[in-house]
N, C-alpha and C. Protein backbone atom coordinates (compact mmCIF):
# COMPACT_ATOMS: atom_id res chain seq x y z
N MET A 1 75.01 89.35 86.18
CA MET A 1 76.18 90.06 86.65
C MET A 1 75.80 91.14 87.66
N TYR A 2 74.90 92.06 87.28
CA TYR A 2 74.45 93.12 88.19
C TYR A 2 73.08 92.81 88.79
N GLU A 3 72.29 92.04 88.07
CA GLU A 3 70.91 91.78 88.47
C GLU A 3 70.85 91.11 89.84
N GLY A 4 69.91 91.58 90.68
CA GLY A 4 69.73 91.00 91.99
C GLY A 4 69.18 92.01 92.97
N THR A 5 69.06 91.57 94.22
CA THR A 5 68.57 92.42 95.30
C THR A 5 69.71 92.69 96.26
N TYR A 6 69.93 93.97 96.55
CA TYR A 6 71.01 94.42 97.43
C TYR A 6 70.40 95.15 98.61
N SER A 7 70.89 94.87 99.82
CA SER A 7 70.30 95.43 101.04
C SER A 7 71.26 96.31 101.81
N ASN A 8 70.66 97.33 102.44
CA ASN A 8 71.39 98.23 103.33
C ASN A 8 70.49 98.47 104.53
N ALA A 9 71.04 98.36 105.74
CA ALA A 9 70.25 98.48 106.97
C ALA A 9 69.56 99.84 107.10
N THR A 10 70.16 100.89 106.57
CA THR A 10 69.59 102.23 106.69
C THR A 10 68.65 102.59 105.55
N LEU A 11 69.06 102.28 104.33
CA LEU A 11 68.31 102.72 103.15
C LEU A 11 67.38 101.67 102.56
N GLY A 12 67.47 100.44 103.02
CA GLY A 12 66.57 99.39 102.52
C GLY A 12 67.17 98.61 101.36
N GLU A 13 66.32 98.28 100.39
CA GLU A 13 66.73 97.43 99.28
C GLU A 13 66.78 98.18 97.97
N MET A 14 67.73 97.78 97.14
CA MET A 14 67.78 98.19 95.75
C MET A 14 67.60 96.91 94.94
N VAL A 15 66.65 96.92 94.03
CA VAL A 15 66.37 95.75 93.21
C VAL A 15 66.76 96.09 91.77
N TRP A 16 67.67 95.30 91.21
CA TRP A 16 68.17 95.50 89.86
C TRP A 16 67.66 94.38 88.97
N THR A 17 67.02 94.74 87.86
CA THR A 17 66.48 93.75 86.94
C THR A 17 66.85 94.12 85.51
N VAL A 18 66.85 93.11 84.64
CA VAL A 18 67.07 93.33 83.22
C VAL A 18 65.70 93.33 82.55
N SER A 19 65.47 94.36 81.74
CA SER A 19 64.22 94.48 81.00
C SER A 19 64.58 94.74 79.54
N GLY A 20 64.43 93.73 78.70
CA GLY A 20 64.87 93.86 77.32
C GLY A 20 66.37 94.02 77.27
N ASP A 21 66.84 95.13 76.74
CA ASP A 21 68.28 95.38 76.68
C ASP A 21 68.71 96.43 77.70
N ALA A 22 67.84 96.71 78.68
CA ALA A 22 68.14 97.75 79.68
C ALA A 22 68.26 97.15 81.08
N LEU A 23 69.08 97.78 81.91
CA LEU A 23 69.19 97.43 83.32
C LEU A 23 68.39 98.46 84.10
N GLU A 24 67.44 97.99 84.88
CA GLU A 24 66.57 98.89 85.65
C GLU A 24 66.79 98.70 87.13
N VAL A 25 66.57 99.76 87.89
CA VAL A 25 66.74 99.73 89.34
C VAL A 25 65.48 100.27 90.00
N ARG A 26 65.14 99.66 91.14
CA ARG A 26 64.01 100.13 91.93
C ARG A 26 64.45 100.18 93.38
N MET A 27 64.08 101.27 94.04
CA MET A 27 64.37 101.44 95.46
C MET A 27 63.12 102.05 96.09
N GLY A 28 62.32 101.21 96.73
CA GLY A 28 61.02 101.67 97.21
C GLY A 28 60.14 102.01 96.02
N VAL A 29 59.57 103.22 96.01
CA VAL A 29 58.73 103.63 94.88
C VAL A 29 59.53 104.31 93.78
N ALA A 30 60.79 104.63 94.04
CA ALA A 30 61.65 105.27 93.04
C ALA A 30 62.19 104.20 92.09
N ALA A 31 62.20 104.52 90.81
CA ALA A 31 62.69 103.57 89.82
C ALA A 31 63.28 104.31 88.64
N GLY A 32 64.19 103.64 87.94
CA GLY A 32 64.79 104.23 86.76
C GLY A 32 65.67 103.23 86.05
N ARG A 33 66.26 103.69 84.96
CA ARG A 33 67.19 102.87 84.18
C ARG A 33 68.62 103.28 84.47
N ALA A 34 69.50 102.33 84.31
CA ALA A 34 70.93 102.58 84.51
C ALA A 34 71.60 102.76 83.15
N GLU A 35 72.61 103.59 83.13
CA GLU A 35 73.44 103.72 81.93
C GLU A 35 74.90 103.57 82.35
N VAL A 36 75.70 103.05 81.46
CA VAL A 36 77.11 102.83 81.77
C VAL A 36 77.84 104.17 81.84
N LEU A 37 78.52 104.37 82.94
CA LEU A 37 79.33 105.57 83.13
C LEU A 37 80.80 105.23 82.87
N ASP A 38 81.27 104.12 83.48
CA ASP A 38 82.65 103.67 83.32
C ASP A 38 82.67 102.15 83.45
N ALA A 39 82.61 101.47 82.31
CA ALA A 39 82.50 100.00 82.31
C ALA A 39 83.69 99.33 82.99
N SER A 40 84.90 99.85 82.78
CA SER A 40 86.09 99.22 83.35
C SER A 40 86.12 99.31 84.87
N ALA A 41 85.42 100.29 85.44
CA ALA A 41 85.35 100.45 86.90
C ALA A 41 84.01 99.99 87.46
N ASN A 42 83.16 99.37 86.62
CA ASN A 42 81.84 98.89 87.04
C ASN A 42 81.00 100.00 87.66
N LYS A 43 81.03 101.18 87.04
CA LYS A 43 80.25 102.32 87.51
C LYS A 43 79.11 102.60 86.55
N LEU A 44 77.92 102.71 87.13
CA LEU A 44 76.72 103.02 86.37
C LEU A 44 76.13 104.32 86.88
N ARG A 45 75.39 105.00 86.03
CA ARG A 45 74.70 106.23 86.42
C ARG A 45 73.22 105.93 86.45
N ILE A 46 72.56 106.36 87.53
CA ILE A 46 71.12 106.17 87.66
C ILE A 46 70.47 107.50 88.02
N GLU A 47 69.18 107.61 87.73
CA GLU A 47 68.38 108.76 88.14
C GLU A 47 67.13 108.23 88.81
N ILE A 48 67.16 108.17 90.15
CA ILE A 48 65.98 107.71 90.89
C ILE A 48 65.58 108.69 91.98
N ALA A 49 66.42 109.69 92.23
CA ALA A 49 66.12 110.64 93.32
C ALA A 49 66.18 112.08 92.82
N GLY A 50 65.79 112.27 91.55
CA GLY A 50 65.73 113.62 91.02
C GLY A 50 66.98 114.12 90.36
N GLY A 51 68.07 113.41 90.47
CA GLY A 51 69.32 113.82 89.82
C GLY A 51 70.16 112.60 89.54
N GLY A 52 71.14 112.75 88.66
CA GLY A 52 71.99 111.63 88.33
C GLY A 52 72.95 111.29 89.46
N GLU A 53 73.07 110.01 89.75
CA GLU A 53 73.97 109.53 90.80
C GLU A 53 74.74 108.33 90.29
N VAL A 54 75.90 108.09 90.87
CA VAL A 54 76.77 107.00 90.45
C VAL A 54 76.63 105.82 91.41
N VAL A 55 76.55 104.64 90.83
CA VAL A 55 76.55 103.39 91.59
C VAL A 55 77.77 102.61 91.15
N GLU A 56 78.53 102.12 92.12
CA GLU A 56 79.72 101.32 91.81
C GLU A 56 79.53 99.91 92.34
N PHE A 57 79.68 98.94 91.46
CA PHE A 57 79.54 97.53 91.83
C PHE A 57 80.90 96.93 92.11
N GLN A 58 80.94 95.99 93.06
CA GLN A 58 82.17 95.27 93.37
C GLN A 58 81.91 93.79 93.20
N PHE A 59 82.94 93.08 92.71
CA PHE A 59 82.83 91.66 92.40
C PHE A 59 83.89 90.89 93.17
N ALA A 60 83.59 89.62 93.46
CA ALA A 60 84.58 88.74 94.09
C ALA A 60 85.72 88.51 93.10
N ALA A 61 86.89 88.20 93.61
CA ALA A 61 88.07 88.00 92.77
C ALA A 61 87.88 86.88 91.74
N ASP A 62 87.04 85.89 92.07
CA ASP A 62 86.84 84.77 91.16
C ASP A 62 85.75 85.03 90.12
N GLY A 63 85.23 86.25 90.07
CA GLY A 63 84.22 86.61 89.07
C GLY A 63 82.81 86.30 89.53
N GLY A 64 81.93 86.13 88.59
CA GLY A 64 80.53 85.86 88.91
C GLY A 64 79.75 87.15 89.09
N ALA A 65 78.64 87.06 89.80
CA ALA A 65 77.75 88.20 90.02
C ALA A 65 78.37 89.19 91.02
N ALA A 66 77.92 90.43 90.94
CA ALA A 66 78.36 91.45 91.90
C ALA A 66 77.99 91.02 93.31
N THR A 67 78.83 91.35 94.27
CA THR A 67 78.58 90.99 95.67
C THR A 67 78.15 92.18 96.51
N LEU A 68 78.46 93.38 96.03
CA LEU A 68 78.22 94.59 96.81
C LEU A 68 78.12 95.77 95.85
N LEU A 69 77.35 96.78 96.25
CA LEU A 69 77.34 98.03 95.49
C LEU A 69 77.43 99.19 96.46
N ARG A 70 77.94 100.32 95.94
CA ARG A 70 78.04 101.55 96.73
C ARG A 70 77.16 102.59 96.06
N TYR A 71 76.29 103.19 96.87
CA TYR A 71 75.36 104.22 96.39
C TYR A 71 75.17 105.24 97.49
N ASP A 72 75.28 106.50 97.18
CA ASP A 72 75.02 107.58 98.13
C ASP A 72 75.85 107.42 99.42
N GLY A 73 77.09 106.96 99.26
CA GLY A 73 77.99 106.80 100.41
C GLY A 73 77.68 105.58 101.27
N GLN A 74 76.78 104.74 100.82
CA GLN A 74 76.36 103.56 101.58
C GLN A 74 76.70 102.28 100.81
N SER A 75 76.97 101.21 101.53
CA SER A 75 77.20 99.90 100.93
C SER A 75 75.91 99.08 101.00
N PHE A 76 75.61 98.42 99.89
CA PHE A 76 74.47 97.51 99.80
C PHE A 76 75.03 96.14 99.47
N VAL A 77 74.66 95.13 100.22
CA VAL A 77 75.18 93.77 100.05
C VAL A 77 74.15 92.93 99.31
N ARG A 78 74.62 92.15 98.33
CA ARG A 78 73.71 91.27 97.59
C ARG A 78 73.10 90.25 98.54
N ARG A 79 71.82 90.10 98.44
CA ARG A 79 71.09 89.09 99.22
C ARG A 79 71.11 87.80 98.42
N GLU A 80 71.85 86.83 98.89
CA GLU A 80 71.93 85.54 98.22
C GLU A 80 70.56 84.86 98.20
N GLY A 81 70.22 84.30 97.09
CA GLY A 81 68.96 83.58 96.97
C GLY A 81 67.75 84.49 96.78
N ALA A 82 67.91 85.79 96.92
CA ALA A 82 66.78 86.71 96.74
C ALA A 82 66.56 86.91 95.26
N ARG A 83 65.35 86.77 94.82
CA ARG A 83 65.01 86.98 93.42
C ARG A 83 64.43 88.37 93.29
N PRO A 84 64.83 89.10 92.24
CA PRO A 84 64.24 90.42 92.02
C PRO A 84 62.73 90.34 91.93
N ARG A 85 62.07 91.31 92.55
CA ARG A 85 60.61 91.32 92.55
C ARG A 85 60.09 92.31 91.56
């Protein structure tokens, strides 16, 4: 659902992976775990840049995996076929 690689031309890639029962995010050398902030709005809270920040995922109307996320005022688009590294 959330797992995958998302790209932004300015900020690079965010890689989301599932590890056990946790969702983890990596952006360059920064990494951390996500916690649910508002499940009904697909908002998660992450700490990868020294403070808590909100990430909002967007999904296509027909469901499936997230297609886009918003972080730090920027949009990151899911890279189709990209496997988390």
